[in-house]
Amino acid sequence: MTGGHGAMPEYELLELLLFNAIERIDVKPLAKRLLSTFGDLNGVIAASEHRLLQVRGTTKKVYIQLKLIEAFAHRMAQAKVLEHCALSCWDDLIDYCRTAMAYRDTEQFRILFLDNKNVVIADEEQARGTVNHVPVYPREVVKRALELNASALILVHNHPSGDPSPSQADITMTDSIVLASQAIDVRVHDHVIIGKTSESSFRSLGLL
């Protein structure tokens, strides 16, 4: 409490969290097992219930505790994006997307809906998929944009493989959404793909 968390290794932070979920045992070995299994603290917090409970010593209460921490992290990161201009808070937007999506073990597709001043008016998950595919329907995207009276969109999805390079399927799907959006005078500012440690931008790559 005096010196802050900066000097603490990840296993000690996780140990303190686990101490609240499992009483009367030394939780340091479990903390180290979880970090060894999932790579780092981000991986532990984002892990699915099924995968967590496969680690010896993990309980349902541990899973709930981790999901609470994840929810706080998401809400805090999202608060820096909602009702702010997406183009002027781009770094915060990318940080939020990393927090929400980088460590997912399946693909997730979300859309940031913007008004005519590029202020984020909604952030919604549109679909979840498998480890290498997520179904997205341009008709549903433009329908939701009309419902929200949005003027522009930022598309975001993750690659669980860790490599944020766009696939041909990603490019084709983006082109379809851009075409459908143009019909209702809605602009697609960018499509960002989130990897484990980096991201790619269709606009930066010249694909938009």
N, C-alpha and C. Protein backbone atom coordinates (compact mmCIF):
# COMPACT_ATOMS: atom_id res chain seq x y z
N MET A 1 0.83 -1.21 0.00
CA MET A 1 0.00 0.00 0.00
C MET A 1 0.87 1.26 0.00
N THR A 2 2.03 1.17 0.62
CA THR A 2 2.90 2.34 0.70
C THR A 2 3.66 2.58 -0.60
N GLY A 3 4.21 1.51 -1.16
CA GLY A 3 5.08 1.65 -2.32
C GLY A 3 4.40 1.47 -3.66
N GLY A 4 3.12 1.07 -3.67
CA GLY A 4 2.43 0.82 -4.93
C GLY A 4 2.75 -0.56 -5.48
N HIS A 5 2.10 -0.90 -6.60
CA HIS A 5 2.22 -2.25 -7.13
C HIS A 5 3.34 -2.42 -8.16
N GLY A 6 3.98 -1.32 -8.53
CA GLY A 6 4.95 -1.36 -9.63
C GLY A 6 6.08 -2.35 -9.43
N ALA A 7 6.56 -2.48 -8.21
CA ALA A 7 7.71 -3.36 -7.96
C ALA A 7 7.31 -4.81 -7.71
N MET A 8 6.02 -5.06 -7.63
CA MET A 8 5.56 -6.42 -7.30
C MET A 8 5.53 -7.29 -8.55
N PRO A 9 6.08 -8.52 -8.48
CA PRO A 9 5.95 -9.44 -9.61
C PRO A 9 4.49 -9.87 -9.79
N GLU A 10 4.16 -10.35 -10.99
CA GLU A 10 2.77 -10.70 -11.28
C GLU A 10 2.25 -11.78 -10.35
N TYR A 11 3.10 -12.76 -9.98
CA TYR A 11 2.59 -13.85 -9.15
C TYR A 11 2.18 -13.34 -7.78
N GLU A 12 2.82 -12.26 -7.28
CA GLU A 12 2.43 -11.73 -5.97
C GLU A 12 1.08 -11.00 -6.07
N LEU A 13 0.87 -10.27 -7.14
CA LEU A 13 -0.43 -9.62 -7.33
C LEU A 13 -1.53 -10.67 -7.43
N LEU A 14 -1.28 -11.71 -8.21
CA LEU A 14 -2.27 -12.77 -8.36
C LEU A 14 -2.49 -13.50 -7.05
N GLU A 15 -1.41 -13.68 -6.29
CA GLU A 15 -1.51 -14.34 -4.98
C GLU A 15 -2.44 -13.57 -4.05
N LEU A 16 -2.32 -12.26 -4.04
CA LEU A 16 -3.19 -11.44 -3.18
C LEU A 16 -4.65 -11.57 -3.60
N LEU A 17 -4.88 -11.63 -4.90
CA LEU A 17 -6.24 -11.80 -5.41
C LEU A 17 -6.80 -13.17 -5.02
N LEU A 18 -6.00 -14.21 -5.18
CA LEU A 18 -6.45 -15.57 -4.87
C LEU A 18 -6.69 -15.75 -3.38
N PHE A 19 -5.97 -15.00 -2.57
CA PHE A 19 -6.13 -15.09 -1.11
C PHE A 19 -7.56 -14.77 -0.71
N ASN A 20 -8.22 -13.87 -1.47
CA ASN A 20 -9.60 -13.51 -1.17
C ASN A 20 -10.60 -14.56 -1.65
N ALA A 21 -10.16 -15.44 -2.55
CA ALA A 21 -11.06 -16.44 -3.12
C ALA A 21 -10.91 -17.80 -2.45
N ILE A 22 -9.72 -18.09 -1.93
CA ILE A 22 -9.47 -19.40 -1.31
C ILE A 22 -8.87 -19.17 0.07
N GLU A 23 -9.58 -19.60 1.07
CA GLU A 23 -9.16 -19.35 2.46
C GLU A 23 -8.27 -20.46 3.00
N ARG A 24 -7.36 -20.05 3.87
CA ARG A 24 -6.59 -20.96 4.73
C ARG A 24 -5.65 -21.90 3.97
N ILE A 25 -5.19 -21.51 2.79
CA ILE A 25 -4.13 -22.29 2.14
C ILE A 25 -3.12 -21.32 1.52
N ASP A 26 -1.91 -21.82 1.27
CA ASP A 26 -0.89 -21.04 0.59
C ASP A 26 -1.23 -21.02 -0.90
N VAL A 27 -1.57 -19.86 -1.42
CA VAL A 27 -2.03 -19.77 -2.81
C VAL A 27 -0.90 -19.43 -3.79
N LYS A 28 0.33 -19.26 -3.27
CA LYS A 28 1.44 -18.94 -4.18
C LYS A 28 1.65 -20.01 -5.24
N PRO A 29 1.62 -21.33 -4.89
CA PRO A 29 1.79 -22.35 -5.94
C PRO A 29 0.71 -22.27 -7.02
N LEU A 30 -0.53 -21.99 -6.62
CA LEU A 30 -1.61 -21.87 -7.59
C LEU A 30 -1.38 -20.66 -8.50
N ALA A 31 -0.96 -19.55 -7.90
CA ALA A 31 -0.69 -18.36 -8.69
C ALA A 31 0.37 -18.65 -9.76
N LYS A 32 1.41 -19.36 -9.38
CA LYS A 32 2.48 -19.67 -10.32
C LYS A 32 2.01 -20.68 -11.38
N ARG A 33 1.14 -21.63 -10.99
CA ARG A 33 0.59 -22.57 -11.97
C ARG A 33 -0.25 -21.85 -13.01
N LEU A 34 -1.08 -20.91 -12.55
CA LEU A 34 -1.94 -20.17 -13.47
C LEU A 34 -1.11 -19.33 -14.45
N LEU A 35 -0.09 -18.66 -13.94
CA LEU A 35 0.75 -17.85 -14.81
C LEU A 35 1.53 -18.72 -15.80
N SER A 36 1.96 -19.88 -15.34
CA SER A 36 2.67 -20.81 -16.22
C SER A 36 1.75 -21.32 -17.32
N THR A 37 0.48 -21.56 -16.98
CA THR A 37 -0.48 -22.09 -17.94
C THR A 37 -0.91 -21.05 -18.96
N PHE A 38 -1.16 -19.82 -18.50
CA PHE A 38 -1.76 -18.81 -19.38
C PHE A 38 -0.80 -17.70 -19.80
N GLY A 39 0.45 -17.78 -19.38
CA GLY A 39 1.47 -16.87 -19.89
C GLY A 39 1.74 -15.64 -19.07
N ASP A 40 0.69 -14.91 -18.71
CA ASP A 40 0.84 -13.71 -17.89
C ASP A 40 -0.51 -13.37 -17.25
N LEU A 41 -0.53 -12.26 -16.51
CA LEU A 41 -1.73 -11.89 -15.78
C LEU A 41 -2.91 -11.63 -16.70
N ASN A 42 -2.65 -11.03 -17.86
CA ASN A 42 -3.73 -10.80 -18.82
C ASN A 42 -4.36 -12.11 -19.27
N GLY A 43 -3.52 -13.09 -19.55
CA GLY A 43 -4.01 -14.38 -20.00
C GLY A 43 -4.82 -15.09 -18.93
N VAL A 44 -4.40 -14.96 -17.68
CA VAL A 44 -5.13 -15.59 -16.57
C VAL A 44 -6.52 -14.97 -16.44
N ILE A 45 -6.58 -13.65 -16.45
CA ILE A 45 -7.86 -12.95 -16.24
C ILE A 45 -8.83 -13.19 -17.39
N ALA A 46 -8.31 -13.33 -18.60
CA ALA A 46 -9.17 -13.51 -19.77
C ALA A 46 -9.54 -14.97 -20.03
N ALA A 47 -8.93 -15.91 -19.30
CA ALA A 47 -9.15 -17.34 -19.56
C ALA A 47 -10.60 -17.73 -19.32
N SER A 48 -11.07 -18.70 -20.09
CA SER A 48 -12.45 -19.18 -19.94
C SER A 48 -12.58 -20.01 -18.66
N GLU A 49 -13.82 -20.15 -18.21
CA GLU A 49 -14.07 -20.94 -17.01
C GLU A 49 -13.59 -22.38 -17.20
N HIS A 50 -13.85 -22.95 -18.36
CA HIS A 50 -13.46 -24.34 -18.63
C HIS A 50 -11.96 -24.52 -18.50
N ARG A 51 -11.19 -23.61 -19.09
CA ARG A 51 -9.74 -23.74 -19.06
C ARG A 51 -9.19 -23.46 -17.66
N LEU A 52 -9.76 -22.49 -16.97
CA LEU A 52 -9.30 -22.19 -15.61
C LEU A 52 -9.48 -23.38 -14.67
N LEU A 53 -10.66 -23.99 -14.74
CA LEU A 53 -10.96 -25.08 -13.82
C LEU A 53 -10.16 -26.34 -14.10
N GLN A 54 -9.46 -26.37 -15.24
CA GLN A 54 -8.58 -27.50 -15.52
C GLN A 54 -7.25 -27.39 -14.77
N VAL A 55 -6.96 -26.19 -14.24
CA VAL A 55 -5.72 -25.98 -13.48
C VAL A 55 -5.95 -26.43 -12.04
N ARG A 56 -5.12 -27.32 -11.57
CA ARG A 56 -5.28 -27.90 -10.23
C ARG A 56 -5.32 -26.81 -9.16
N GLY A 57 -6.35 -26.86 -8.32
CA GLY A 57 -6.50 -25.92 -7.22
C GLY A 57 -7.44 -24.76 -7.51
N THR A 58 -7.82 -24.59 -8.78
CA THR A 58 -8.73 -23.50 -9.14
C THR A 58 -10.16 -23.89 -8.83
N THR A 59 -10.94 -22.93 -8.33
CA THR A 59 -12.33 -23.18 -7.97
C THR A 59 -13.24 -22.19 -8.71
N LYS A 60 -14.52 -22.44 -8.62
CA LYS A 60 -15.51 -21.54 -9.22
C LYS A 60 -15.38 -20.13 -8.63
N LYS A 61 -15.06 -20.05 -7.35
CA LYS A 61 -14.92 -18.75 -6.70
C LYS A 61 -13.72 -17.99 -7.26
N VAL A 62 -12.65 -18.71 -7.59
CA VAL A 62 -11.49 -18.08 -8.22
C VAL A 62 -11.90 -17.49 -9.57
N TYR A 63 -12.65 -18.28 -10.35
CA TYR A 63 -13.11 -17.81 -11.66
C TYR A 63 -13.94 -16.53 -11.51
N ILE A 64 -14.86 -16.51 -10.57
CA ILE A 64 -15.72 -15.34 -10.36
C ILE A 64 -14.88 -14.12 -9.97
N GLN A 65 -13.90 -14.34 -9.10
CA GLN A 65 -13.02 -13.24 -8.67
C GLN A 65 -12.27 -12.65 -9.87
N LEU A 66 -11.77 -13.52 -10.73
CA LEU A 66 -11.04 -13.06 -11.92
C LEU A 66 -11.96 -12.32 -12.89
N LYS A 67 -13.20 -12.81 -13.05
CA LYS A 67 -14.14 -12.14 -13.94
C LYS A 67 -14.51 -10.75 -13.41
N LEU A 68 -14.56 -10.59 -12.09
CA LEU A 68 -14.82 -9.27 -11.52
C LEU A 68 -13.70 -8.29 -11.85
N ILE A 69 -12.47 -8.78 -11.72
CA ILE A 69 -11.32 -7.94 -12.05
C ILE A 69 -11.37 -7.56 -13.54
N GLU A 70 -11.71 -8.53 -14.39
CA GLU A 70 -11.81 -8.27 -15.83
C GLU A 70 -12.89 -7.21 -16.11
N ALA A 71 -14.02 -7.33 -15.44
CA ALA A 71 -15.12 -6.38 -15.64
C ALA A 71 -14.69 -4.96 -15.25
N PHE A 72 -13.98 -4.83 -14.12
CA PHE A 72 -13.50 -3.51 -13.70
C PHE A 72 -12.54 -2.94 -14.75
N ALA A 73 -11.63 -3.77 -15.24
CA ALA A 73 -10.65 -3.31 -16.23
C ALA A 73 -11.35 -2.84 -17.51
N HIS A 74 -12.35 -3.62 -17.95
CA HIS A 74 -13.07 -3.25 -19.17
C HIS A 74 -13.83 -1.94 -18.98
N ARG A 75 -14.53 -1.81 -17.85
CA ARG A 75 -15.33 -0.60 -17.62
C ARG A 75 -14.44 0.64 -17.54
N MET A 76 -13.29 0.51 -16.87
CA MET A 76 -12.39 1.65 -16.73
C MET A 76 -11.81 2.07 -18.08
N ALA A 77 -11.44 1.08 -18.90
CA ALA A 77 -10.89 1.39 -20.23
C ALA A 77 -11.98 1.95 -21.14
N GLN A 78 -13.19 1.39 -21.05
CA GLN A 78 -14.29 1.84 -21.91
C GLN A 78 -14.70 3.27 -21.59
N ALA A 79 -14.60 3.66 -20.31
CA ALA A 79 -15.00 5.00 -19.91
C ALA A 79 -14.16 6.08 -20.58
N LYS A 80 -12.94 5.74 -20.99
CA LYS A 80 -12.07 6.69 -21.67
C LYS A 80 -12.43 6.86 -23.14
N VAL A 81 -13.33 5.99 -23.63
CA VAL A 81 -13.67 5.98 -25.05
C VAL A 81 -15.09 6.49 -25.31
N LEU A 82 -16.05 5.97 -24.54
CA LEU A 82 -17.44 6.36 -24.76
C LEU A 82 -17.63 7.85 -24.55
N GLU A 83 -18.38 8.47 -25.44
CA GLU A 83 -18.71 9.89 -25.41
C GLU A 83 -17.48 10.78 -25.59
N HIS A 84 -16.44 10.21 -26.20
CA HIS A 84 -15.26 10.99 -26.57
C HIS A 84 -15.04 10.85 -28.08
N CYS A 85 -14.35 11.81 -28.65
CA CYS A 85 -14.04 11.75 -30.08
C CYS A 85 -13.05 10.62 -30.32
N ALA A 86 -13.44 9.66 -31.15
CA ALA A 86 -12.61 8.48 -31.38
C ALA A 86 -11.27 8.84 -32.02
N LEU A 87 -11.26 9.85 -32.88
CA LEU A 87 -10.04 10.17 -33.60
C LEU A 87 -9.04 10.92 -32.72
N SER A 88 -9.53 11.61 -31.69
CA SER A 88 -8.62 12.35 -30.81
C SER A 88 -8.21 11.52 -29.59
N CYS A 89 -8.90 10.40 -29.35
CA CYS A 89 -8.51 9.53 -28.22
C CYS A 89 -8.14 8.15 -28.75
N TRP A 90 -7.45 8.13 -29.90
CA TRP A 90 -7.17 6.87 -30.59
C TRP A 90 -6.37 5.90 -29.73
N ASP A 91 -5.37 6.40 -29.01
CA ASP A 91 -4.56 5.52 -28.17
C ASP A 91 -5.39 4.87 -27.07
N ASP A 92 -6.30 5.65 -26.47
CA ASP A 92 -7.20 5.10 -25.45
C ASP A 92 -8.12 4.05 -26.06
N LEU A 93 -8.57 4.31 -27.29
CA LEU A 93 -9.45 3.37 -27.97
C LEU A 93 -8.73 2.04 -28.20
N ILE A 94 -7.48 2.11 -28.66
CA ILE A 94 -6.71 0.89 -28.89
C ILE A 94 -6.44 0.17 -27.57
N ASP A 95 -6.13 0.92 -26.52
CA ASP A 95 -5.91 0.31 -25.20
C ASP A 95 -7.16 -0.43 -24.73
N TYR A 96 -8.32 0.19 -24.94
CA TYR A 96 -9.57 -0.45 -24.56
C TYR A 96 -9.79 -1.74 -25.34
N CYS A 97 -9.57 -1.68 -26.64
CA CYS A 97 -9.76 -2.88 -27.47
C CYS A 97 -8.80 -3.99 -27.07
N ARG A 98 -7.56 -3.64 -26.75
CA ARG A 98 -6.61 -4.64 -26.26
C ARG A 98 -7.12 -5.27 -24.97
N THR A 99 -7.59 -4.43 -24.04
CA THR A 99 -8.08 -4.93 -22.76
C THR A 99 -9.25 -5.88 -22.96
N ALA A 100 -10.14 -5.53 -23.87
CA ALA A 100 -11.36 -6.31 -24.06
C ALA A 100 -11.17 -7.56 -24.90
N MET A 101 -10.15 -7.57 -25.80
CA MET A 101 -10.14 -8.59 -26.84
C MET A 101 -8.83 -9.34 -27.04
N ALA A 102 -7.71 -8.78 -26.63
CA ALA A 102 -6.41 -9.34 -27.03
C ALA A 102 -6.20 -10.78 -26.57
N TYR A 103 -6.76 -11.14 -25.43
CA TYR A 103 -6.47 -12.47 -24.87
C TYR A 103 -7.65 -13.43 -24.98
N ARG A 104 -8.62 -13.10 -25.81
CA ARG A 104 -9.73 -14.02 -26.05
C ARG A 104 -9.22 -15.25 -26.81
N ASP A 105 -9.79 -16.41 -26.51
CA ASP A 105 -9.37 -17.61 -27.23
C ASP A 105 -10.26 -17.92 -28.42
N THR A 106 -11.28 -17.07 -28.65
CA THR A 106 -12.09 -17.16 -29.87
C THR A 106 -12.22 -15.75 -30.45
N GLU A 107 -12.57 -15.67 -31.73
CA GLU A 107 -12.71 -14.36 -32.38
C GLU A 107 -13.97 -13.64 -31.91
N GLN A 108 -13.83 -12.35 -31.74
CA GLN A 108 -14.94 -11.48 -31.35
C GLN A 108 -14.94 -10.28 -32.28
N PHE A 109 -16.12 -9.89 -32.73
CA PHE A 109 -16.24 -8.74 -33.63
C PHE A 109 -17.10 -7.68 -32.96
N ARG A 110 -16.54 -6.48 -32.81
CA ARG A 110 -17.30 -5.41 -32.19
C ARG A 110 -17.24 -4.17 -33.07
N ILE A 111 -18.19 -3.28 -32.84
CA ILE A 111 -18.26 -2.05 -33.64
C ILE A 111 -18.40 -0.86 -32.69
N LEU A 112 -17.62 0.19 -32.99
CA LEU A 112 -17.79 1.47 -32.32
C LEU A 112 -18.60 2.35 -33.27
N PHE A 113 -19.75 2.80 -32.80
CA PHE A 113 -20.64 3.66 -33.59
C PHE A 113 -20.37 5.12 -33.22
N LEU A 114 -20.19 5.98 -34.23
CA LEU A 114 -19.83 7.37 -34.01
C LEU A 114 -20.91 8.30 -34.56
N ASP A 115 -21.03 9.47 -33.93
CA ASP A 115 -21.96 10.47 -34.46
C ASP A 115 -21.25 11.33 -35.51
N ASN A 116 -21.89 12.42 -35.92
CA ASN A 116 -21.31 13.22 -37.01
C ASN A 116 -20.11 14.05 -36.57
N LYS A 117 -19.80 14.04 -35.26
CA LYS A 117 -18.58 14.68 -34.77
C LYS A 117 -17.53 13.65 -34.37
N ASN A 118 -17.77 12.41 -34.76
CA ASN A 118 -16.88 11.27 -34.46
C ASN A 118 -16.78 10.94 -32.97
N VAL A 119 -17.82 11.33 -32.24
CA VAL A 119 -17.92 10.95 -30.83
C VAL A 119 -18.52 9.55 -30.74
N VAL A 120 -17.93 8.71 -29.89
CA VAL A 120 -18.41 7.34 -29.75
C VAL A 120 -19.73 7.33 -28.99
N ILE A 121 -20.80 6.89 -29.68
CA ILE A 121 -22.11 6.88 -29.04
C ILE A 121 -22.50 5.47 -28.58
N ALA A 122 -21.82 4.46 -29.09
CA ALA A 122 -22.10 3.08 -28.66
C ALA A 122 -20.92 2.19 -29.01
N ASP A 123 -20.73 1.20 -28.17
CA ASP A 123 -19.68 0.18 -28.37
C ASP A 123 -20.36 -1.16 -28.16
N GLU A 124 -20.49 -1.94 -29.22
CA GLU A 124 -21.28 -3.16 -29.13
C GLU A 124 -20.56 -4.36 -29.74
N GLU A 125 -20.66 -5.47 -29.06
CA GLU A 125 -20.19 -6.73 -29.63
C GLU A 125 -21.25 -7.23 -30.60
N GLN A 126 -20.83 -7.49 -31.83
CA GLN A 126 -21.77 -7.93 -32.86
C GLN A 126 -21.82 -9.44 -32.99
N ALA A 127 -20.68 -10.09 -32.77
CA ALA A 127 -20.66 -11.54 -32.97
C ALA A 127 -19.46 -12.16 -32.28
N ARG A 128 -19.61 -13.46 -31.95
CA ARG A 128 -18.50 -14.27 -31.47
C ARG A 128 -18.37 -15.48 -32.38
N GLY A 129 -17.15 -15.95 -32.55
CA GLY A 129 -16.94 -17.06 -33.47
C GLY A 129 -16.07 -18.14 -32.89
N THR A 130 -15.24 -18.71 -33.76
CA THR A 130 -14.35 -19.79 -33.37
C THR A 130 -12.93 -19.23 -33.23
N VAL A 131 -11.95 -20.12 -33.18
CA VAL A 131 -10.57 -19.66 -33.03
C VAL A 131 -10.06 -18.90 -34.24
N ASN A 132 -10.70 -19.08 -35.41
CA ASN A 132 -10.19 -18.40 -36.61
C ASN A 132 -11.28 -17.85 -37.52
N HIS A 133 -12.50 -17.72 -37.00
CA HIS A 133 -13.58 -17.18 -37.84
C HIS A 133 -14.68 -16.62 -36.97
N VAL A 134 -15.22 -15.49 -37.42
CA VAL A 134 -16.39 -14.92 -36.74
C VAL A 134 -17.38 -14.47 -37.82
N PRO A 135 -18.64 -14.90 -37.73
CA PRO A 135 -19.62 -14.52 -38.76
C PRO A 135 -20.12 -13.09 -38.57
N VAL A 136 -20.03 -12.29 -39.63
CA VAL A 136 -20.49 -10.90 -39.57
C VAL A 136 -21.36 -10.65 -40.80
N TYR A 137 -22.53 -10.03 -40.59
CA TYR A 137 -23.48 -9.82 -41.67
C TYR A 137 -23.65 -8.32 -41.91
N PRO A 138 -23.20 -7.82 -43.06
CA PRO A 138 -23.31 -6.39 -43.35
C PRO A 138 -24.71 -5.82 -43.15
N ARG A 139 -25.73 -6.61 -43.48
CA ARG A 139 -27.11 -6.15 -43.31
C ARG A 139 -27.40 -5.79 -41.85
N GLU A 140 -26.91 -6.62 -40.91
CA GLU A 140 -27.13 -6.36 -39.49
C GLU A 140 -26.33 -5.15 -39.02
N VAL A 141 -25.14 -4.97 -39.61
CA VAL A 141 -24.31 -3.82 -39.24
C VAL A 141 -25.00 -2.52 -39.61
N VAL A 142 -25.48 -2.42 -40.85
CA VAL A 142 -26.10 -1.17 -41.28
C VAL A 142 -27.46 -0.96 -40.60
N LYS A 143 -28.15 -2.04 -40.31
CA LYS A 143 -29.42 -1.93 -39.58
C LYS A 143 -29.19 -1.29 -38.21
N ARG A 144 -28.14 -1.75 -37.52
CA ARG A 144 -27.85 -1.20 -36.19
C ARG A 144 -27.36 0.25 -36.29
N ALA A 145 -26.60 0.56 -37.32
CA ALA A 145 -26.14 1.94 -37.51
C ALA A 145 -27.33 2.88 -37.70
N LEU A 146 -28.33 2.43 -38.45
CA LEU A 146 -29.54 3.25 -38.64
C LEU A 146 -30.30 3.43 -37.34
N GLU A 147 -30.39 2.34 -36.54
CA GLU A 147 -31.10 2.42 -35.26
C GLU A 147 -30.45 3.44 -34.32
N LEU A 148 -29.13 3.52 -34.38
CA LEU A 148 -28.39 4.42 -33.48
C LEU A 148 -28.17 5.81 -34.10
N ASN A 149 -28.63 5.98 -35.35
CA ASN A 149 -28.41 7.23 -36.08
C ASN A 149 -26.92 7.55 -36.16
N ALA A 150 -26.11 6.55 -36.39
CA ALA A 150 -24.66 6.72 -36.46
C ALA A 150 -24.25 7.30 -37.81
N SER A 151 -23.16 8.07 -37.80
CA SER A 151 -22.63 8.65 -39.04
C SER A 151 -21.36 7.94 -39.51
N ALA A 152 -20.72 7.19 -38.60
CA ALA A 152 -19.49 6.50 -38.96
C ALA A 152 -19.29 5.29 -38.05
N LEU A 153 -18.41 4.39 -38.49
CA LEU A 153 -18.14 3.15 -37.75
C LEU A 153 -16.63 2.92 -37.66
N ILE A 154 -16.24 2.27 -36.58
CA ILE A 154 -14.90 1.68 -36.49
C ILE A 154 -15.10 0.21 -36.17
N LEU A 155 -14.62 -0.64 -37.06
CA LEU A 155 -14.77 -2.09 -36.89
C LEU A 155 -13.55 -2.61 -36.14
N VAL A 156 -13.77 -3.56 -35.24
CA VAL A 156 -12.67 -4.13 -34.47
C VAL A 156 -12.91 -5.63 -34.30
N HIS A 157 -11.88 -6.43 -34.55
CA HIS A 157 -11.97 -7.83 -34.14
C HIS A 157 -10.58 -8.32 -33.77
N ASN A 158 -10.53 -9.47 -33.10
CA ASN A 158 -9.27 -10.00 -32.60
C ASN A 158 -8.87 -11.26 -33.37
N HIS A 159 -7.58 -11.54 -33.34
CA HIS A 159 -7.04 -12.79 -33.87
C HIS A 159 -6.42 -13.56 -32.72
N PRO A 160 -7.09 -14.61 -32.24
CA PRO A 160 -6.55 -15.39 -31.12
C PRO A 160 -5.17 -15.97 -31.38
N SER A 161 -4.80 -16.12 -32.63
CA SER A 161 -3.47 -16.64 -32.97
C SER A 161 -2.38 -15.68 -32.51
N GLY A 162 -2.74 -14.41 -32.32
CA GLY A 162 -1.78 -13.40 -31.93
C GLY A 162 -1.28 -12.56 -33.07
N ASP A 163 -1.41 -13.04 -34.30
CA ASP A 163 -0.95 -12.32 -35.49
C ASP A 163 -2.09 -11.44 -36.01
N PRO A 164 -1.91 -10.10 -35.99
CA PRO A 164 -3.01 -9.21 -36.40
C PRO A 164 -3.09 -8.96 -37.91
N SER A 165 -2.31 -9.68 -38.69
CA SER A 165 -2.34 -9.46 -40.14
C SER A 165 -3.72 -9.80 -40.71
N PRO A 166 -4.29 -8.93 -41.57
CA PRO A 166 -5.61 -9.23 -42.15
C PRO A 166 -5.56 -10.44 -43.08
N SER A 167 -6.56 -11.28 -42.98
CA SER A 167 -6.70 -12.40 -43.92
C SER A 167 -7.51 -11.92 -45.12
N GLN A 168 -7.55 -12.73 -46.16
CA GLN A 168 -8.36 -12.38 -47.32
C GLN A 168 -9.84 -12.32 -46.94
N ALA A 169 -10.25 -13.22 -46.03
CA ALA A 169 -11.64 -13.19 -45.56
C ALA A 169 -11.95 -11.89 -44.82
N ASP A 170 -10.98 -11.38 -44.03
CA ASP A 170 -11.15 -10.11 -43.33
C ASP A 170 -11.33 -8.97 -44.34
N ILE A 171 -10.53 -8.98 -45.38
CA ILE A 171 -10.59 -7.93 -46.40
C ILE A 171 -11.91 -7.96 -47.15
N THR A 172 -12.34 -9.17 -47.52
CA THR A 172 -13.61 -9.31 -48.24
C THR A 172 -14.79 -8.86 -47.39
N MET A 173 -14.78 -9.27 -46.11
CA MET A 173 -15.87 -8.89 -45.21
C MET A 173 -15.90 -7.38 -45.00
N THR A 174 -14.74 -6.76 -44.85
CA THR A 174 -14.68 -5.31 -44.66
C THR A 174 -15.20 -4.58 -45.89
N ASP A 175 -14.81 -5.04 -47.07
CA ASP A 175 -15.30 -4.42 -48.31
C ASP A 175 -16.83 -4.49 -48.39
N SER A 176 -17.39 -5.60 -47.95
CA SER A 176 -18.86 -5.77 -47.98
C SER A 176 -19.54 -4.79 -47.04
N ILE A 177 -18.95 -4.60 -45.85
CA ILE A 177 -19.53 -3.66 -44.88
C ILE A 177 -19.40 -2.22 -45.38
N VAL A 178 -18.25 -1.89 -45.96
CA VAL A 178 -18.05 -0.55 -46.51
C VAL A 178 -19.09 -0.26 -47.60
N LEU A 179 -19.30 -1.22 -48.48
CA LEU A 179 -20.27 -1.05 -49.58
C LEU A 179 -21.68 -0.86 -49.04
N ALA A 180 -22.06 -1.70 -48.06
CA ALA A 180 -23.40 -1.59 -47.47
C ALA A 180 -23.57 -0.26 -46.73
N SER A 181 -22.51 0.20 -46.06
CA SER A 181 -22.57 1.45 -45.28
C SER A 181 -22.68 2.65 -46.20
N GLN A 182 -22.01 2.60 -47.33
CA GLN A 182 -22.08 3.72 -48.28
C GLN A 182 -23.50 3.95 -48.75
N ALA A 183 -24.29 2.89 -48.83
CA ALA A 183 -25.67 3.00 -49.31
C ALA A 183 -26.54 3.82 -48.36
N ILE A 184 -26.13 3.89 -47.09
CA ILE A 184 -26.90 4.68 -46.12
C ILE A 184 -26.10 5.89 -45.64
N ASP A 185 -25.03 6.23 -46.38
CA ASP A 185 -24.22 7.42 -46.10
C ASP A 185 -23.54 7.33 -44.72
N VAL A 186 -23.05 6.15 -44.39
CA VAL A 186 -22.28 5.94 -43.15
C VAL A 186 -20.86 5.58 -43.55
N ARG A 187 -19.89 6.23 -42.94
CA ARG A 187 -18.49 6.02 -43.30
C ARG A 187 -17.84 4.99 -42.36
N VAL A 188 -17.02 4.13 -42.92
CA VAL A 188 -16.22 3.21 -42.11
C VAL A 188 -14.83 3.83 -41.99
N HIS A 189 -14.50 4.32 -40.80
CA HIS A 189 -13.21 4.99 -40.59
C HIS A 189 -12.04 4.01 -40.64
N ASP A 190 -12.23 2.84 -40.04
CA ASP A 190 -11.12 1.90 -39.96
C ASP A 190 -11.64 0.53 -39.55
N HIS A 191 -10.82 -0.47 -39.80
CA HIS A 191 -11.03 -1.81 -39.26
C HIS A 191 -9.72 -2.19 -38.58
N VAL A 192 -9.78 -2.36 -37.28
CA VAL A 192 -8.59 -2.66 -36.48
C VAL A 192 -8.62 -4.13 -36.07
N ILE A 193 -7.51 -4.82 -36.29
CA ILE A 193 -7.39 -6.21 -35.85
C ILE A 193 -6.44 -6.25 -34.67
N ILE A 194 -6.91 -6.82 -33.58
CA ILE A 194 -6.15 -6.87 -32.34
C ILE A 194 -5.45 -8.22 -32.22
N GLY A 195 -4.13 -8.19 -32.06
CA GLY A 195 -3.35 -9.39 -31.77
C GLY A 195 -2.95 -9.43 -30.32
N LYS A 196 -2.10 -10.37 -29.94
CA LYS A 196 -1.68 -10.49 -28.54
C LYS A 196 -0.86 -9.29 -28.10
N THR A 197 0.07 -8.84 -28.93
CA THR A 197 0.98 -7.77 -28.51
C THR A 197 0.98 -6.58 -29.48
N SER A 198 0.23 -6.66 -30.56
CA SER A 198 0.19 -5.57 -31.53
C SER A 198 -1.15 -5.59 -32.25
N GLU A 199 -1.37 -4.60 -33.09
CA GLU A 199 -2.61 -4.52 -33.85
C GLU A 199 -2.31 -4.01 -35.25
N SER A 200 -3.25 -4.21 -36.16
CA SER A 200 -3.11 -3.68 -37.51
C SER A 200 -4.34 -2.86 -37.86
N SER A 201 -4.12 -1.84 -38.68
CA SER A 201 -5.18 -0.92 -39.09
C SER A 201 -5.34 -0.99 -40.59
N PHE A 202 -6.57 -1.25 -41.05
CA PHE A 202 -6.81 -1.29 -42.49
C PHE A 202 -6.45 0.05 -43.14
N ARG A 203 -6.76 1.15 -42.46
CA ARG A 203 -6.47 2.46 -43.05
C ARG A 203 -4.96 2.66 -43.17
N SER A 204 -4.21 2.29 -42.13
CA SER A 204 -2.75 2.44 -42.19
C SER A 204 -2.14 1.55 -43.26
N LEU A 205 -2.77 0.39 -43.50
CA LEU A 205 -2.26 -0.54 -44.49
C LEU A 205 -2.71 -0.20 -45.91
N GLY A 206 -3.52 0.85 -46.04
CA GLY A 206 -4.01 1.24 -47.36
C GLY A 206 -5.14 0.37 -47.87
N LEU A 207 -5.81 -0.35 -46.97
CA LEU A 207 -6.91 -1.22 -47.36
C LEU A 207 -8.27 -0.54 -47.25
N LEU A 208 -8.27 0.69 -46.73
CA LEU A 208 -9.49 1.48 -46.66
C LEU A 208 -9.23 2.87 -47.23
